[in-house]
Structures are given as C-alpha cells and as structure tokens.
Amino acid sequence: MRGLGAQVVNVEGKQFVYPLETRDVEAAALIRECSERGNGVTTPTGQPGVWLDSPMIELLKGPGIIEKALPAMVRQFKRFDIDITIEPMLVYPTLHYQNGGVLIRTDSSTTVPNLYSAGEVSGGVHGRNRLMGNSLLEITVYGRRAGRAAALRAKEVKPGRLTLDHVVAWEKQLAEAGLSPETFSPLLLPEYTRHERQGEQSAE
C-alpha cells in the first residue's frame, strides 16, 4: 500500500511520517503518534491506530489501480464492508517480518550439518534492516538455493538412528539457564490481545 502511494495520517488527517521509511522507522513513528502524542484513532476495543490513506492511490494513479494491484486485499476488507478504494484503512504495527540470526552460506546451508534455511529465520541477507517489497525476492532466491543444495546433499547422506536427544539436551540447557520454554518467537500477536481475549471469554 505504501509502495503504491498510500499515506499514513493521524486522527486529524495530518501526515506525520514519510510513507516510504523502512519498516522499523515507520512502525516506531506510528507507535509514538498514538502513545506519546495522543494523535491516534481510538477503536471500540481501546486499541489505538492511525489511518492508511489507501484512496490516495486511486487519486495518484487512477481509478481501479487498487483492485488491479491488490485484489486479495480488496476482497479481504470487503468481507467487513470496507471499500479500501474509497475508505482509509485503520492500521497499527505488529510483527510483520523478523530479521533472524541463523547465518547461511550462498547455498543456504548453515553451520549445523545438513541444515538449510531461507526466509525470516536466516540472518545477514538484509543486514540489520529490510526495505519493503524485497522479502518475496529473498525467499524465492534462497528458498530455491536451499532446496537444490539440500536435495544434492540428501543423495550423499546415510541417515543414522533418529532420536530426540537434542530436544532433551535443549530443555536441560533452558532449565539450567533459568529460561522459560513457554515463550515462543516470533511473537505473532502482542500480549494485550491475549489478555483481551481471556477477558472476553470470562465475561461470557
């Protein structure tokens, strides 16, 4: 949406951040606008947000461009009676992409024998940040490399006896370090969503 020309505006309709900033800068600006400056749109649940002025795309590039470029998103919002070609979208940052830390070689192999990775789990492809729009290119390039390299490697490897000893060892290390295995990464939904859901269920 931002790449096509949609602009982020606050409750007063004012643009407060350059729309093509990197994701971390954009997300931080949205959070500050809502929590520190109090210029967010308050929803019925109390969760703040800001407007993503999607109709701006139609003004800049002509009628029908959203339907043509983002048909799935148009259908998604129409399920809730929102026409994003004429109505802005209410948005707020949550986890979208995580720059992982698994180091990979050019063929997507890792320092762990016979383990290949691609996508968010891998590190170093984008450095410490990522521009919008290039995650699909990354996963197709490194996903293909990982698949080819793993297939070639599979022809050479003779599997031994499969065990779960590595899981037992990992849980032991967690216990010794005093870490809880109940926290998962990436965190798909912020903690407040879980608390709200629990409160709604108890109220029912």
N, C-alpha and C. Protein backbone atom coordinates (compact mmCIF):
# COMPACT_ATOMS: atom_id res chain seq x y z
N MET A 1 0.83 -1.21 0.00
CA MET A 1 0.00 0.00 0.00
C MET A 1 0.86 1.26 0.00
N ARG A 2 1.84 1.31 0.90
CA ARG A 2 2.71 2.48 0.95
C ARG A 2 3.54 2.60 -0.32
N GLY A 3 3.95 1.47 -0.86
CA GLY A 3 4.73 1.49 -2.08
C GLY A 3 3.95 2.02 -3.27
N LEU A 4 2.62 1.83 -3.24
CA LEU A 4 1.78 2.32 -4.33
C LEU A 4 1.42 3.79 -4.18
N GLY A 5 1.60 4.34 -2.96
CA GLY A 5 1.30 5.76 -2.77
C GLY A 5 0.40 6.08 -1.60
N ALA A 6 -0.05 5.05 -0.85
CA ALA A 6 -0.88 5.31 0.33
C ALA A 6 -0.07 6.06 1.38
N GLN A 7 -0.69 7.02 2.06
CA GLN A 7 0.00 7.82 3.06
C GLN A 7 -0.59 7.56 4.44
N VAL A 8 0.29 7.57 5.44
CA VAL A 8 -0.13 7.36 6.82
C VAL A 8 -0.47 8.71 7.44
N VAL A 9 -1.68 8.83 8.00
CA VAL A 9 -2.10 10.09 8.63
C VAL A 9 -2.70 9.82 10.00
N ASN A 10 -2.65 10.83 10.86
CA ASN A 10 -3.18 10.66 12.22
C ASN A 10 -4.67 10.97 12.28
N VAL A 11 -5.20 11.08 13.50
CA VAL A 11 -6.63 11.28 13.68
C VAL A 11 -7.11 12.60 13.07
N GLU A 12 -6.20 13.56 12.92
CA GLU A 12 -6.55 14.85 12.33
C GLU A 12 -6.34 14.88 10.82
N GLY A 13 -5.93 13.75 10.26
CA GLY A 13 -5.70 13.68 8.83
C GLY A 13 -4.37 14.26 8.39
N LYS A 14 -3.45 14.45 9.34
CA LYS A 14 -2.15 15.03 9.01
C LYS A 14 -1.10 13.94 8.81
N GLN A 15 -0.30 14.08 7.77
CA GLN A 15 0.78 13.15 7.52
C GLN A 15 1.92 13.46 8.48
N PHE A 16 2.35 12.49 9.26
CA PHE A 16 3.34 12.73 10.30
C PHE A 16 4.63 11.96 10.09
N VAL A 17 4.71 11.16 9.04
CA VAL A 17 5.93 10.39 8.76
C VAL A 17 6.02 10.18 7.26
N TYR A 18 7.25 10.16 6.77
CA TYR A 18 7.47 9.89 5.35
C TYR A 18 6.99 8.48 5.06
N PRO A 19 6.09 8.29 4.09
CA PRO A 19 5.45 6.99 3.90
C PRO A 19 6.37 5.88 3.43
N LEU A 20 7.54 6.19 2.89
CA LEU A 20 8.43 5.15 2.37
C LEU A 20 9.63 4.88 3.28
N GLU A 21 9.47 5.21 4.56
CA GLU A 21 10.53 4.87 5.52
C GLU A 21 10.66 3.36 5.63
N THR A 22 11.80 2.89 6.14
CA THR A 22 11.94 1.47 6.42
C THR A 22 10.94 1.06 7.50
N ARG A 23 10.67 -0.21 7.56
CA ARG A 23 9.58 -0.69 8.42
C ARG A 23 9.77 -0.34 9.89
N ASP A 24 11.01 -0.43 10.39
CA ASP A 24 11.21 -0.15 11.81
C ASP A 24 10.99 1.32 12.13
N VAL A 25 11.44 2.21 11.24
CA VAL A 25 11.25 3.65 11.45
C VAL A 25 9.76 3.99 11.34
N GLU A 26 9.09 3.41 10.35
CA GLU A 26 7.66 3.67 10.15
C GLU A 26 6.85 3.18 11.35
N ALA A 27 7.15 1.97 11.80
CA ALA A 27 6.42 1.40 12.93
C ALA A 27 6.63 2.23 14.20
N ALA A 28 7.87 2.65 14.45
CA ALA A 28 8.16 3.46 15.64
C ALA A 28 7.41 4.79 15.59
N ALA A 29 7.32 5.38 14.39
CA ALA A 29 6.61 6.65 14.25
C ALA A 29 5.12 6.48 14.53
N LEU A 30 4.55 5.38 14.09
CA LEU A 30 3.13 5.11 14.33
C LEU A 30 2.86 4.93 15.82
N ILE A 31 3.73 4.19 16.49
CA ILE A 31 3.55 3.95 17.92
C ILE A 31 3.67 5.26 18.70
N ARG A 32 4.68 6.09 18.35
CA ARG A 32 4.85 7.38 19.04
C ARG A 32 3.64 8.28 18.83
N GLU A 33 3.12 8.29 17.60
CA GLU A 33 1.98 9.16 17.31
C GLU A 33 0.77 8.79 18.16
N CYS A 34 0.62 7.51 18.44
CA CYS A 34 -0.53 7.05 19.24
C CYS A 34 -0.27 7.16 20.74
N SER A 35 0.89 6.68 21.19
CA SER A 35 1.13 6.58 22.64
C SER A 35 1.68 7.86 23.25
N GLU A 36 2.58 8.55 22.57
CA GLU A 36 3.22 9.74 23.14
C GLU A 36 2.48 11.03 22.79
N ARG A 37 2.02 11.13 21.56
CA ARG A 37 1.39 12.38 21.12
C ARG A 37 -0.13 12.35 21.23
N GLY A 38 -0.72 11.18 21.43
CA GLY A 38 -2.16 11.07 21.58
C GLY A 38 -2.94 11.42 20.33
N ASN A 39 -2.31 11.21 19.16
CA ASN A 39 -2.97 11.56 17.91
C ASN A 39 -3.48 10.35 17.13
N GLY A 40 -3.68 9.25 17.84
CA GLY A 40 -4.19 8.05 17.19
C GLY A 40 -5.71 8.01 17.20
N VAL A 41 -6.25 7.15 16.38
CA VAL A 41 -7.69 6.90 16.34
C VAL A 41 -8.00 5.82 17.37
N THR A 42 -8.90 6.09 18.29
CA THR A 42 -9.25 5.11 19.31
C THR A 42 -10.38 4.21 18.81
N THR A 43 -10.15 2.92 18.88
CA THR A 43 -11.14 1.94 18.41
C THR A 43 -12.05 1.54 19.57
N PRO A 44 -13.17 0.86 19.28
CA PRO A 44 -14.08 0.42 20.35
C PRO A 44 -13.42 -0.47 21.40
N THR A 45 -12.33 -1.18 21.03
CA THR A 45 -11.64 -2.04 21.99
C THR A 45 -10.64 -1.27 22.83
N GLY A 46 -10.39 0.00 22.48
CA GLY A 46 -9.39 0.79 23.18
C GLY A 46 -8.03 0.75 22.52
N GLN A 47 -7.88 -0.10 21.53
CA GLN A 47 -6.61 -0.18 20.80
C GLN A 47 -6.50 1.01 19.85
N PRO A 48 -5.43 1.81 19.95
CA PRO A 48 -5.28 2.95 19.04
C PRO A 48 -4.78 2.51 17.67
N GLY A 49 -4.89 3.39 16.71
CA GLY A 49 -4.39 3.13 15.37
C GLY A 49 -4.28 4.45 14.62
N VAL A 50 -3.80 4.39 13.40
CA VAL A 50 -3.75 5.56 12.53
C VAL A 50 -4.34 5.16 11.18
N TRP A 51 -4.62 6.16 10.36
CA TRP A 51 -5.22 5.88 9.06
C TRP A 51 -4.14 5.67 8.00
N LEU A 52 -4.33 4.65 7.18
CA LEU A 52 -3.53 4.47 5.97
C LEU A 52 -4.43 4.89 4.82
N ASP A 53 -4.12 6.04 4.26
CA ASP A 53 -4.98 6.67 3.26
C ASP A 53 -4.88 5.94 1.91
N SER A 54 -5.51 4.79 1.84
CA SER A 54 -5.47 3.99 0.61
C SER A 54 -6.15 4.68 -0.59
N PRO A 55 -7.23 5.46 -0.41
CA PRO A 55 -7.83 6.14 -1.57
C PRO A 55 -6.85 7.08 -2.28
N MET A 56 -5.78 7.50 -1.59
CA MET A 56 -4.77 8.35 -2.22
C MET A 56 -4.17 7.67 -3.45
N ILE A 57 -4.10 6.33 -3.41
CA ILE A 57 -3.54 5.58 -4.54
C ILE A 57 -4.37 5.82 -5.79
N GLU A 58 -5.69 5.79 -5.63
CA GLU A 58 -6.58 5.99 -6.78
C GLU A 58 -6.45 7.42 -7.31
N LEU A 59 -6.23 8.39 -6.41
CA LEU A 59 -6.06 9.77 -6.84
C LEU A 59 -4.75 9.96 -7.61
N LEU A 60 -3.71 9.25 -7.17
CA LEU A 60 -2.40 9.41 -7.79
C LEU A 60 -2.26 8.63 -9.10
N LYS A 61 -2.84 7.42 -9.13
CA LYS A 61 -2.57 6.53 -10.26
C LYS A 61 -3.80 6.16 -11.08
N GLY A 62 -4.94 6.70 -10.69
CA GLY A 62 -6.14 6.46 -11.48
C GLY A 62 -7.07 5.42 -10.87
N PRO A 63 -8.35 5.52 -11.17
CA PRO A 63 -9.34 4.58 -10.64
C PRO A 63 -9.05 3.15 -11.09
N GLY A 64 -9.29 2.22 -10.16
CA GLY A 64 -9.14 0.80 -10.48
C GLY A 64 -7.78 0.22 -10.20
N ILE A 65 -6.80 1.05 -9.84
CA ILE A 65 -5.44 0.55 -9.65
C ILE A 65 -5.34 -0.36 -8.42
N ILE A 66 -6.09 -0.07 -7.36
CA ILE A 66 -6.03 -0.91 -6.16
C ILE A 66 -6.61 -2.28 -6.45
N GLU A 67 -7.74 -2.31 -7.13
CA GLU A 67 -8.38 -3.59 -7.49
C GLU A 67 -7.44 -4.42 -8.37
N LYS A 68 -6.71 -3.76 -9.23
CA LYS A 68 -5.81 -4.47 -10.15
C LYS A 68 -4.54 -4.94 -9.44
N ALA A 69 -3.96 -4.08 -8.61
CA ALA A 69 -2.68 -4.40 -7.98
C ALA A 69 -2.83 -5.25 -6.72
N LEU A 70 -3.91 -5.05 -5.97
CA LEU A 70 -4.08 -5.74 -4.68
C LEU A 70 -5.48 -6.35 -4.57
N PRO A 71 -5.86 -7.24 -5.47
CA PRO A 71 -7.22 -7.78 -5.45
C PRO A 71 -7.56 -8.56 -4.19
N ALA A 72 -6.59 -9.30 -3.65
CA ALA A 72 -6.85 -10.09 -2.44
C ALA A 72 -7.15 -9.19 -1.25
N MET A 73 -6.44 -8.06 -1.14
CA MET A 73 -6.67 -7.14 -0.04
C MET A 73 -8.03 -6.46 -0.17
N VAL A 74 -8.41 -6.16 -1.39
CA VAL A 74 -9.74 -5.57 -1.62
C VAL A 74 -10.81 -6.53 -1.16
N ARG A 75 -10.68 -7.80 -1.52
CA ARG A 75 -11.66 -8.82 -1.11
C ARG A 75 -11.67 -9.01 0.40
N GLN A 76 -10.48 -9.01 1.00
CA GLN A 76 -10.36 -9.20 2.44
C GLN A 76 -11.14 -8.15 3.21
N PHE A 77 -11.00 -6.89 2.82
CA PHE A 77 -11.67 -5.81 3.55
C PHE A 77 -13.16 -5.75 3.21
N LYS A 78 -13.52 -6.16 2.00
CA LYS A 78 -14.95 -6.14 1.64
C LYS A 78 -15.75 -7.12 2.48
N ARG A 79 -15.08 -8.14 3.01
CA ARG A 79 -15.76 -9.08 3.91
C ARG A 79 -16.29 -8.36 5.14
N PHE A 80 -15.68 -7.21 5.48
CA PHE A 80 -16.10 -6.42 6.64
C PHE A 80 -16.75 -5.11 6.21
N ASP A 81 -17.26 -5.10 4.98
CA ASP A 81 -17.97 -3.94 4.42
C ASP A 81 -17.10 -2.69 4.38
N ILE A 82 -15.81 -2.86 4.13
CA ILE A 82 -14.89 -1.73 3.99
C ILE A 82 -14.35 -1.73 2.56
N ASP A 83 -14.59 -0.64 1.86
CA ASP A 83 -14.09 -0.49 0.50
C ASP A 83 -12.83 0.37 0.55
N ILE A 84 -11.67 -0.27 0.48
CA ILE A 84 -10.41 0.46 0.66
C ILE A 84 -10.07 1.33 -0.54
N THR A 85 -10.87 1.27 -1.59
CA THR A 85 -10.63 2.19 -2.71
C THR A 85 -11.20 3.57 -2.43
N ILE A 86 -12.14 3.65 -1.47
CA ILE A 86 -12.74 4.93 -1.12
C ILE A 86 -12.69 5.24 0.37
N GLU A 87 -12.28 4.24 1.20
CA GLU A 87 -12.18 4.44 2.64
C GLU A 87 -10.76 4.12 3.10
N PRO A 88 -10.22 4.90 4.03
CA PRO A 88 -8.87 4.60 4.54
C PRO A 88 -8.89 3.36 5.43
N MET A 89 -7.73 2.79 5.63
CA MET A 89 -7.58 1.60 6.46
C MET A 89 -7.03 1.99 7.82
N LEU A 90 -7.53 1.38 8.87
CA LEU A 90 -7.02 1.63 10.22
C LEU A 90 -5.88 0.64 10.47
N VAL A 91 -4.69 1.15 10.80
CA VAL A 91 -3.52 0.28 10.95
C VAL A 91 -2.77 0.58 12.25
N TYR A 92 -2.01 -0.41 12.70
CA TYR A 92 -1.14 -0.27 13.86
C TYR A 92 -0.06 -1.35 13.74
N PRO A 93 1.16 -1.06 14.16
CA PRO A 93 2.25 -2.03 13.97
C PRO A 93 2.08 -3.30 14.80
N THR A 94 2.42 -4.40 14.19
CA THR A 94 2.59 -5.67 14.89
C THR A 94 3.71 -6.38 14.15
N LEU A 95 4.05 -7.58 14.54
CA LEU A 95 5.17 -8.25 13.90
C LEU A 95 4.81 -8.64 12.48
N HIS A 96 5.59 -8.16 11.52
CA HIS A 96 5.36 -8.48 10.12
C HIS A 96 6.49 -9.32 9.56
N TYR A 97 7.70 -8.99 9.93
CA TYR A 97 8.87 -9.69 9.40
C TYR A 97 9.96 -9.60 10.45
N GLN A 98 10.70 -10.69 10.58
CA GLN A 98 11.75 -10.73 11.60
C GLN A 98 13.07 -11.05 10.92
N ASN A 99 14.06 -10.19 11.09
CA ASN A 99 15.39 -10.47 10.58
C ASN A 99 16.05 -11.46 11.53
N GLY A 100 16.11 -12.72 11.12
CA GLY A 100 16.61 -13.77 12.01
C GLY A 100 18.10 -13.72 12.21
N GLY A 101 18.63 -14.72 12.89
CA GLY A 101 20.04 -14.71 13.21
C GLY A 101 20.82 -15.93 12.77
N VAL A 102 20.17 -16.85 12.02
CA VAL A 102 20.86 -18.05 11.55
C VAL A 102 21.74 -17.67 10.36
N LEU A 103 23.04 -17.81 10.49
CA LEU A 103 23.95 -17.47 9.41
C LEU A 103 23.89 -18.53 8.32
N ILE A 104 23.83 -18.09 7.08
CA ILE A 104 23.78 -19.03 5.96
C ILE A 104 24.88 -18.72 4.95
N ARG A 105 25.24 -19.74 4.21
CA ARG A 105 26.17 -19.57 3.11
C ARG A 105 25.37 -19.27 1.84
N THR A 106 26.06 -19.11 0.73
CA THR A 106 25.36 -18.74 -0.50
C THR A 106 24.40 -19.81 -0.98
N ASP A 107 24.61 -21.06 -0.56
CA ASP A 107 23.68 -22.14 -0.95
C ASP A 107 22.63 -22.39 0.12
N SER A 108 22.50 -21.48 1.09
CA SER A 108 21.54 -21.56 2.20
C SER A 108 21.89 -22.60 3.26
N SER A 109 23.08 -23.20 3.18
CA SER A 109 23.49 -24.13 4.23
C SER A 109 23.92 -23.34 5.46
N THR A 110 23.80 -23.98 6.63
CA THR A 110 24.13 -23.34 7.90
C THR A 110 25.36 -24.00 8.52
N THR A 111 25.73 -23.55 9.69
CA THR A 111 26.86 -24.16 10.40
C THR A 111 26.48 -25.49 11.02
N VAL A 112 25.19 -25.81 11.06
CA VAL A 112 24.72 -27.11 11.53
C VAL A 112 24.70 -28.06 10.34
N PRO A 113 25.39 -29.18 10.41
CA PRO A 113 25.44 -30.10 9.28
C PRO A 113 24.04 -30.52 8.79
N ASN A 114 23.83 -30.46 7.49
CA ASN A 114 22.59 -30.90 6.84
C ASN A 114 21.38 -30.02 7.14
N LEU A 115 21.61 -28.83 7.67
CA LEU A 115 20.51 -27.90 7.93
C LEU A 115 20.62 -26.71 6.98
N TYR A 116 19.50 -26.45 6.27
CA TYR A 116 19.45 -25.34 5.32
C TYR A 116 18.31 -24.40 5.74
N SER A 117 18.50 -23.13 5.50
CA SER A 117 17.45 -22.19 5.91
C SER A 117 17.28 -21.09 4.88
N ALA A 118 16.07 -20.54 4.86
CA ALA A 118 15.76 -19.42 3.98
C ALA A 118 14.62 -18.63 4.61
N GLY A 119 14.57 -17.35 4.32
CA GLY A 119 13.48 -16.53 4.84
C GLY A 119 13.83 -15.85 6.15
N GLU A 120 12.81 -15.64 6.97
CA GLU A 120 12.98 -14.83 8.17
C GLU A 120 13.95 -15.40 9.19
N VAL A 121 14.10 -16.72 9.21
CA VAL A 121 14.99 -17.33 10.19
C VAL A 121 16.46 -17.02 9.89
N SER A 122 16.79 -16.75 8.63
CA SER A 122 18.18 -16.52 8.26
C SER A 122 18.59 -15.08 8.55
N GLY A 123 19.87 -14.89 8.80
CA GLY A 123 20.38 -13.56 9.09
C GLY A 123 21.46 -13.16 8.11
N GLY A 124 21.63 -11.86 7.93
CA GLY A 124 22.69 -11.37 7.09
C GLY A 124 22.29 -11.02 5.68
N VAL A 125 21.15 -11.50 5.23
CA VAL A 125 20.72 -11.21 3.86
C VAL A 125 20.41 -9.73 3.70
N HIS A 126 19.71 -9.17 4.69
CA HIS A 126 19.33 -7.75 4.63
C HIS A 126 20.14 -6.88 5.59
N GLY A 127 21.04 -7.50 6.35
CA GLY A 127 21.74 -6.72 7.36
C GLY A 127 20.86 -6.52 8.57
N ARG A 128 20.88 -5.33 9.14
CA ARG A 128 20.10 -5.07 10.36
C ARG A 128 18.71 -4.54 10.05
N ASN A 129 18.40 -4.33 8.78
CA ASN A 129 17.11 -3.76 8.42
C ASN A 129 16.66 -4.38 7.11
N ARG A 130 15.47 -4.03 6.66
CA ARG A 130 14.99 -4.55 5.40
C ARG A 130 14.08 -3.52 4.73
N LEU A 131 14.30 -3.30 3.45
CA LEU A 131 13.42 -2.44 2.68
C LEU A 131 12.14 -3.20 2.36
N MET A 132 11.03 -2.49 2.21
CA MET A 132 9.77 -3.17 1.92
C MET A 132 9.79 -3.69 0.49
N GLY A 133 9.15 -4.84 0.30
CA GLY A 133 8.99 -5.38 -1.03
C GLY A 133 10.03 -6.40 -1.45
N ASN A 134 11.12 -6.57 -0.67
CA ASN A 134 12.14 -7.49 -1.14
C ASN A 134 12.15 -8.83 -0.41
N SER A 135 11.20 -9.07 0.48
CA SER A 135 11.17 -10.35 1.18
C SER A 135 10.76 -11.49 0.25
N LEU A 136 9.86 -11.21 -0.69
CA LEU A 136 9.44 -12.25 -1.64
C LEU A 136 10.61 -12.67 -2.53
N LEU A 137 11.39 -11.69 -2.99
CA LEU A 137 12.55 -11.99 -3.80
C LEU A 137 13.54 -12.84 -3.01
N GLU A 138 13.72 -12.48 -1.74
CA GLU A 138 14.67 -13.22 -0.90
C GLU A 138 14.26 -14.68 -0.75
N ILE A 139 13.00 -14.91 -0.44
CA ILE A 139 12.57 -16.29 -0.16
C ILE A 139 12.58 -17.14 -1.43
N THR A 140 12.29 -16.54 -2.57
CA THR A 140 12.33 -17.33 -3.80
C THR A 140 13.76 -17.66 -4.21
N VAL A 141 14.68 -16.70 -4.04
CA VAL A 141 16.08 -16.95 -4.39
C VAL A 141 16.71 -17.95 -3.45
N TYR A 142 16.65 -17.66 -2.13
CA TYR A 142 17.32 -18.53 -1.18
C TYR A 142 16.53 -19.81 -0.91
N GLY A 143 15.22 -19.77 -1.09
CA GLY A 143 14.44 -20.99 -0.98
C GLY A 143 14.82 -21.98 -2.07
N ARG A 144 15.00 -21.47 -3.29
CA ARG A 144 15.41 -22.33 -4.40
C ARG A 144 16.82 -22.88 -4.17
N ARG A 145 17.71 -22.01 -3.70
CA ARG A 145 19.07 -22.47 -3.43
C ARG A 145 19.09 -23.54 -2.34
N ALA A 146 18.30 -23.31 -1.28
CA ALA A 146 18.24 -24.28 -0.18
C ALA A 146 17.69 -25.61 -0.67
N GLY A 147 16.63 -25.56 -1.47
CA GLY A 147 16.04 -26.79 -1.98
C GLY A 147 16.99 -27.59 -2.85
N ARG A 148 17.69 -26.91 -3.74
CA ARG A 148 18.63 -27.59 -4.62
C ARG A 148 19.79 -28.19 -3.83
N ALA A 149 20.36 -27.38 -2.93
CA ALA A 149 21.51 -27.85 -2.15
C ALA A 149 21.13 -29.01 -1.23
N ALA A 150 19.96 -28.93 -0.62
CA ALA A 150 19.52 -30.00 0.28
C ALA A 150 19.25 -31.29 -0.50
N ALA A 151 18.69 -31.15 -1.68
CA ALA A 151 18.42 -32.33 -2.50
C ALA A 151 19.72 -33.03 -2.90
N LEU A 152 20.72 -32.25 -3.28
CA LEU A 152 22.01 -32.83 -3.63
C LEU A 152 22.67 -33.48 -2.42
N ARG A 153 22.55 -32.82 -1.28
CA ARG A 153 23.15 -33.35 -0.05
C ARG A 153 22.46 -34.64 0.39
N ALA A 154 21.15 -34.72 0.17
CA ALA A 154 20.38 -35.89 0.59
C ALA A 154 20.85 -37.15 -0.13
N LYS A 155 21.39 -36.98 -1.32
CA LYS A 155 21.88 -38.14 -2.08
C LYS A 155 23.18 -38.68 -1.50
N GLU A 156 23.87 -37.85 -0.70
CA GLU A 156 25.16 -38.25 -0.15
C GLU A 156 25.06 -38.76 1.28
N VAL A 157 24.02 -38.39 1.99
CA VAL A 157 23.93 -38.68 3.42
C VAL A 157 23.24 -40.02 3.67
N LYS A 158 23.81 -40.78 4.61
CA LYS A 158 23.18 -42.02 5.05
C LYS A 158 22.63 -41.77 6.46
N PRO A 159 21.30 -41.68 6.60
CA PRO A 159 20.73 -41.36 7.92
C PRO A 159 21.02 -42.44 8.94
N GLY A 160 21.32 -41.99 10.15
CA GLY A 160 21.54 -42.93 11.25
C GLY A 160 20.24 -43.14 12.03
N ARG A 161 20.37 -43.56 13.28
CA ARG A 161 19.19 -43.79 14.12
C ARG A 161 18.63 -42.45 14.58
N LEU A 162 17.35 -42.21 14.33
CA LEU A 162 16.72 -40.95 14.71
C LEU A 162 16.34 -40.97 16.19
N THR A 163 16.68 -39.89 16.90
CA THR A 163 16.34 -39.75 18.32
C THR A 163 15.89 -38.33 18.59
N LEU A 164 15.41 -38.12 19.80
CA LEU A 164 15.03 -36.78 20.27
C LEU A 164 15.99 -36.31 21.36
N ASP A 165 17.21 -36.85 21.35
CA ASP A 165 18.19 -36.48 22.37
C ASP A 165 18.51 -35.00 22.33
N HIS A 166 18.48 -34.40 21.14
CA HIS A 166 18.80 -32.98 21.03
C HIS A 166 17.73 -32.12 21.70
N VAL A 167 16.48 -32.60 21.68
CA VAL A 167 15.40 -31.86 22.34
C VAL A 167 15.57 -31.94 23.86
N VAL A 168 15.90 -33.11 24.36
CA VAL A 168 16.14 -33.29 25.79
C VAL A 168 17.29 -32.41 26.25
N ALA A 169 18.37 -32.38 25.47
CA ALA A 169 19.53 -31.56 25.82
C ALA A 169 19.17 -30.08 25.82
N TRP A 170 18.35 -29.65 24.84
CA TRP A 170 17.93 -28.25 24.75
C TRP A 170 17.09 -27.85 25.96
N GLU A 171 16.15 -28.70 26.36
CA GLU A 171 15.31 -28.40 27.51
C GLU A 171 16.14 -28.34 28.79
N LYS A 172 17.15 -29.19 28.87
CA LYS A 172 18.04 -29.17 30.05
C LYS A 172 18.81 -27.85 30.11
N GLN A 173 19.30 -27.38 28.95
CA GLN A 173 20.01 -26.11 28.90
C GLN A 173 19.10 -24.95 29.29
N LEU A 174 17.86 -24.99 28.85
CA LEU A 174 16.91 -23.95 29.22
C LEU A 174 16.71 -23.91 30.74
N ALA A 175 16.53 -25.09 31.33
CA ALA A 175 16.30 -25.17 32.78
C ALA A 175 17.52 -24.66 33.54
N GLU A 176 18.70 -25.04 33.08
CA GLU A 176 19.93 -24.61 33.76
C GLU A 176 20.12 -23.09 33.66
N ALA A 177 19.66 -22.51 32.57
CA ALA A 177 19.78 -21.06 32.39
C ALA A 177 18.64 -20.30 33.03
N GLY A 178 17.65 -21.02 33.55
CA GLY A 178 16.51 -20.37 34.19
C GLY A 178 15.56 -19.72 33.20
N LEU A 179 15.53 -20.22 31.97
CA LEU A 179 14.67 -19.66 30.94
C LEU A 179 13.39 -20.48 30.80
N SER A 180 12.30 -19.78 30.53
CA SER A 180 11.02 -20.46 30.39
C SER A 180 10.81 -20.91 28.95
N PRO A 181 10.46 -22.15 28.72
CA PRO A 181 10.20 -22.63 27.35
C PRO A 181 8.82 -22.24 26.84
N GLU A 182 8.06 -21.48 27.63
CA GLU A 182 6.70 -21.14 27.24
C GLU A 182 6.64 -19.92 26.33
N THR A 183 7.75 -19.19 26.20
CA THR A 183 7.78 -18.01 25.33
C THR A 183 8.27 -18.42 23.95
N PHE A 184 7.46 -18.10 22.94
CA PHE A 184 7.79 -18.51 21.59
C PHE A 184 8.19 -17.29 20.76
N SER A 185 9.03 -17.51 19.78
CA SER A 185 9.44 -16.45 18.86
C SER A 185 9.33 -16.99 17.45
N PRO A 186 8.81 -16.19 16.52
CA PRO A 186 8.37 -14.81 16.71
C PRO A 186 7.03 -14.73 17.42
N LEU A 187 6.80 -13.62 18.12
CA LEU A 187 5.54 -13.36 18.79
C LEU A 187 4.56 -12.81 17.76
N LEU A 188 3.61 -13.62 17.35
CA LEU A 188 2.70 -13.23 16.28
C LEU A 188 1.71 -12.16 16.71
N LEU A 189 1.26 -12.24 17.95
CA LEU A 189 0.31 -11.25 18.45
C LEU A 189 0.84 -10.65 19.74
N PRO A 190 0.70 -9.36 19.94
CA PRO A 190 1.17 -8.75 21.18
C PRO A 190 0.41 -9.28 22.39
N GLU A 191 1.02 -9.15 23.55
CA GLU A 191 0.45 -9.73 24.77
C GLU A 191 -0.96 -9.22 25.07
N TYR A 192 -1.23 -7.94 24.77
CA TYR A 192 -2.53 -7.39 25.15
C TYR A 192 -3.68 -8.10 24.44
N THR A 193 -3.44 -8.66 23.26
CA THR A 193 -4.53 -9.35 22.56
C THR A 193 -4.96 -10.59 23.33
N ARG A 194 -3.99 -11.26 23.92
CA ARG A 194 -4.32 -12.47 24.69
C ARG A 194 -5.11 -12.11 25.93
N HIS A 195 -4.68 -11.05 26.61
CA HIS A 195 -5.41 -10.65 27.81
C HIS A 195 -6.84 -10.24 27.48
N GLU A 196 -7.03 -9.51 26.39
CA GLU A 196 -8.37 -9.09 26.00
C GLU A 196 -9.24 -10.29 25.67
N ARG A 197 -8.66 -11.26 24.95
CA ARG A 197 -9.44 -12.44 24.59
C ARG A 197 -9.85 -13.20 25.84
N GLN A 198 -8.94 -13.32 26.82
CA GLN A 198 -9.26 -14.03 28.05
C GLN A 198 -10.36 -13.29 28.81
N GLY A 199 -10.27 -11.94 28.80
CA GLY A 199 -11.29 -11.16 29.50
C GLY A 199 -12.65 -11.31 28.85
N GLU A 200 -12.68 -11.37 27.52
CA GLU A 200 -13.94 -11.52 26.81
C GLU A 200 -14.56 -12.88 27.11
N GLN A 201 -13.70 -13.92 27.15
CA GLN A 201 -14.21 -15.26 27.41
C GLN A 201 -14.77 -15.38 28.83
N SER A 202 -14.05 -14.76 29.79
CA SER A 202 -14.52 -14.84 31.17
C SER A 202 -15.82 -14.07 31.35
N ALA A 203 -15.97 -12.95 30.57
CA ALA A 203 -17.18 -12.15 30.67
C ALA A 203 -18.39 -12.89 30.12
N GLU A 204 -18.13 -13.73 29.09
CA GLU A 204 -19.23 -14.51 28.53
C GLU A 204 -19.66 -15.60 29.49
